[in-house]
Amino acid sequence: IETLHPCHYQFYHSIQENYIQSIYIVITYKLFVLTVICCIDCHLLGWL
């Protein structure tokens, strides 16, 4: 039976955290971009 070395555990744990963080950043970025695009569309429609 192989036990996970603390270093390995820390390594996997940090990868998991970075993965979750990157997903969070991508979702936030997409929401931001969508909001900006919607605002620009509204302004253009307002000017027309």
N, C-alpha and C. Protein backbone atom coordinates (compact mmCIF):
# COMPACT_ATOMS: atom_id res chain seq x y z
N ILE A 1 0.86 -1.20 0.00
CA ILE A 1 0.00 0.00 0.00
C ILE A 1 0.89 1.25 0.00
N GLU A 2 0.67 2.08 -0.98
CA GLU A 2 1.48 3.30 -1.09
C GLU A 2 0.76 4.46 -0.39
N THR A 3 1.49 5.13 0.46
CA THR A 3 0.91 6.30 1.13
C THR A 3 1.41 7.56 0.45
N LEU A 4 0.57 8.54 0.36
CA LEU A 4 0.98 9.80 -0.27
C LEU A 4 1.97 10.53 0.61
N HIS A 5 3.03 10.94 0.00
CA HIS A 5 4.03 11.73 0.72
C HIS A 5 3.45 13.12 0.95
N PRO A 6 3.74 13.73 2.11
CA PRO A 6 3.23 15.09 2.39
C PRO A 6 3.51 16.07 1.26
N CYS A 7 4.69 15.95 0.67
CA CYS A 7 5.06 16.86 -0.44
C CYS A 7 4.11 16.64 -1.62
N HIS A 8 3.87 15.39 -1.93
CA HIS A 8 2.98 15.07 -3.03
C HIS A 8 1.58 15.58 -2.74
N TYR A 9 1.14 15.37 -1.52
CA TYR A 9 -0.19 15.83 -1.13
C TYR A 9 -0.29 17.34 -1.31
N GLN A 10 0.74 18.04 -0.84
CA GLN A 10 0.78 19.51 -0.95
C GLN A 10 0.75 19.91 -2.42
N PHE A 11 1.48 19.18 -3.23
CA PHE A 11 1.57 19.45 -4.66
C PHE A 11 0.19 19.32 -5.31
N TYR A 12 -0.47 18.19 -5.06
CA TYR A 12 -1.80 17.97 -5.63
C TYR A 12 -2.80 18.99 -5.11
N HIS A 13 -2.69 19.30 -3.84
CA HIS A 13 -3.60 20.26 -3.22
C HIS A 13 -3.46 21.63 -3.88
N SER A 14 -2.22 22.05 -4.12
CA SER A 14 -2.00 23.37 -4.72
C SER A 14 -2.49 23.38 -6.17
N ILE A 15 -2.33 22.27 -6.87
CA ILE A 15 -2.84 22.18 -8.24
C ILE A 15 -4.36 22.35 -8.23
N GLN A 16 -5.01 21.66 -7.30
CA GLN A 16 -6.47 21.74 -7.19
C GLN A 16 -6.90 23.18 -6.91
N GLU A 17 -6.21 23.85 -6.00
CA GLU A 17 -6.55 25.24 -5.66
C GLU A 17 -6.36 26.15 -6.87
N ASN A 18 -5.25 25.98 -7.58
CA ASN A 18 -4.97 26.81 -8.75
C ASN A 18 -6.03 26.57 -9.83
N TYR A 19 -6.44 25.31 -9.98
CA TYR A 19 -7.45 24.95 -10.97
C TYR A 19 -8.77 25.65 -10.67
N ILE A 20 -9.19 25.57 -9.41
CA ILE A 20 -10.44 26.21 -8.99
C ILE A 20 -10.33 27.73 -9.17
N GLN A 21 -9.18 28.29 -8.81
CA GLN A 21 -8.97 29.73 -8.91
C GLN A 21 -9.02 30.17 -10.37
N SER A 22 -8.41 29.40 -11.27
CA SER A 22 -8.39 29.77 -12.68
C SER A 22 -9.79 29.70 -13.28
N ILE A 23 -10.57 28.71 -12.87
CA ILE A 23 -11.96 28.61 -13.34
C ILE A 23 -12.74 29.84 -12.88
N TYR A 24 -12.54 30.21 -11.62
CA TYR A 24 -13.22 31.38 -11.05
C TYR A 24 -12.87 32.64 -11.84
N ILE A 25 -11.57 32.80 -12.16
CA ILE A 25 -11.10 33.97 -12.90
C ILE A 25 -11.73 33.99 -14.30
N VAL A 26 -11.79 32.83 -14.96
CA VAL A 26 -12.36 32.75 -16.31
C VAL A 26 -13.83 33.14 -16.29
N ILE A 27 -14.58 32.62 -15.32
CA ILE A 27 -16.02 32.93 -15.22
C ILE A 27 -16.22 34.42 -14.98
N THR A 28 -15.43 34.98 -14.05
CA THR A 28 -15.53 36.41 -13.74
C THR A 28 -15.20 37.24 -14.98
N TYR A 29 -14.15 36.85 -15.71
CA TYR A 29 -13.73 37.56 -16.91
C TYR A 29 -14.83 37.52 -17.97
N LYS A 30 -15.43 36.34 -18.17
CA LYS A 30 -16.49 36.22 -19.17
C LYS A 30 -17.69 37.08 -18.81
N LEU A 31 -18.06 37.08 -17.52
CA LEU A 31 -19.18 37.90 -17.07
C LEU A 31 -18.87 39.38 -17.31
N PHE A 32 -17.63 39.77 -17.02
CA PHE A 32 -17.20 41.16 -17.21
C PHE A 32 -17.30 41.55 -18.68
N VAL A 33 -16.78 40.68 -19.55
CA VAL A 33 -16.81 40.95 -20.99
C VAL A 33 -18.25 41.05 -21.49
N LEU A 34 -19.10 40.13 -21.05
CA LEU A 34 -20.51 40.15 -21.46
C LEU A 34 -21.17 41.45 -21.02
N THR A 35 -20.88 41.88 -19.80
CA THR A 35 -21.46 43.11 -19.28
C THR A 35 -21.01 44.30 -20.11
N VAL A 36 -19.72 44.35 -20.42
CA VAL A 36 -19.17 45.46 -21.22
C VAL A 36 -19.82 45.48 -22.60
N ILE A 37 -19.93 44.31 -23.23
CA ILE A 37 -20.53 44.23 -24.56
C ILE A 37 -21.99 44.69 -24.51
N CYS A 38 -22.71 44.26 -23.49
CA CYS A 38 -24.12 44.66 -23.35
C CYS A 38 -24.21 46.18 -23.18
N CYS A 39 -23.35 46.75 -22.37
CA CYS A 39 -23.35 48.19 -22.14
C CYS A 39 -23.08 48.94 -23.44
N ILE A 40 -22.08 48.46 -24.21
CA ILE A 40 -21.73 49.10 -25.48
C ILE A 40 -22.92 49.03 -26.43
N ASP A 41 -23.57 47.85 -26.49
CA ASP A 41 -24.74 47.68 -27.35
C ASP A 41 -25.84 48.66 -26.96
N CYS A 42 -26.09 48.80 -25.66
CA CYS A 42 -27.13 49.70 -25.18
C CYS A 42 -26.81 51.14 -25.56
N HIS A 43 -25.54 51.52 -25.42
CA HIS A 43 -25.12 52.88 -25.76
C HIS A 43 -25.30 53.13 -27.25
N LEU A 44 -24.91 52.16 -28.06
CA LEU A 44 -25.05 52.31 -29.51
C LEU A 44 -26.52 52.43 -29.89
N LEU A 45 -27.36 51.62 -29.28
CA LEU A 45 -28.80 51.68 -29.56
C LEU A 45 -29.35 53.02 -29.11
N GLY A 46 -28.84 53.52 -27.98
CA GLY A 46 -29.29 54.81 -27.46
C GLY A 46 -28.90 55.94 -28.40
N TRP A 47 -27.68 55.85 -28.96
CA TRP A 47 -27.21 56.90 -29.87
C TRP A 47 -27.95 56.86 -31.19
N LEU A 48 -28.34 55.63 -31.63
CA LEU A 48 -29.08 55.50 -32.88
C LEU A 48 -30.52 55.96 -32.64
